[in-house]
Amino acid sequence: MNRSRLVSTCLLIAGFVLYFLLNEPETGHAMHIMEGYLPLSWALFWWAVFLPFFILGLRSINKIVKEHPEMKLLIGVAGAFAFVLSALKIPSVTGSSSHPTGTGLGAIMFGPFAMSVLGSMVLLFQALLLAHGGLTTLGANAVSMAVVGPMVAYGIYRIIMKASGSQRLAVFAAAALADLATYVVTSIQLALAFPAESGGVLASFAKFAGIFAFTQVPLAISEGLLTVLVWNWLLSYNAKELTQLRLLKQEESL
């Protein structure tokens, strides 16, 4: 067990080092939709869409902590993972940026609603503490990164586990597709707010999604691989907690 823990820890450290080397951020201090970029009507609309999920998320986290107080540390780990990865911003479409999201791991462990709170807190802290801005567009960014991304991750994980039982494949696919889904929704949000003169919303969506794809596809693949390394580390050090979350069978935690 000690050897297994040492190997998983070394692989995780090597994975983070390699990830940060390959995905070195450039100057891009904007959220994936920057401060003030959306028209006020669309900014308010996305806030209205987001808030019910935030309330459900608060109830979900409260229930998890009430039933399993020992999960507080892992909830913090899930939030910190999303904070670190999503802070690596790369300039992309004007008024936007590309970055990993880190929301897949938390969605797998605690469900999509819990990540609506953790993901939106990550965005808020980045806006205030890292001066990335995005308070007016927080509702739109939270819908894409903290609501839709985690829902996709949770669904993909469940589908693959039910179909094949391959947990590492499920973790990889969930994390990678949650990342891509976030930017598909961002492209839809931008297309709705800024339809093309020729072709309307569909043409605008194709333009935004096409530009995001250059940076986001490799980011999503690398995020999936890094999430698998974190998952292996959790299996070595937190098998008991994962069993309590019904992510491992009892015999696998021994």
Foldseek 3Di string as FASTA:
>chain_A
DVVLLVVLVVVLVVLVVVLCVVLVADPALAAQAGAPNFPLVLLVVLLVVLVVLQVVLVVLVVVCCVVPVVCPVVLVVQLVQQLVFSLRWHDFPVRGTATAGSNLLVCQQRNLSNQLNSSLVSVVCSVPVVVSHCPSNSSQLSCLRRHQLSVQLNVQLVVCCVVPVPNLVSQLVSRLVSQLSSQLSVLQSVQVRPFDPPPHSVVSSCVSSVRNCVPNNVNSNSRSVSRSSVVSSCLVPPVVSSVVSVNDPPVSSD
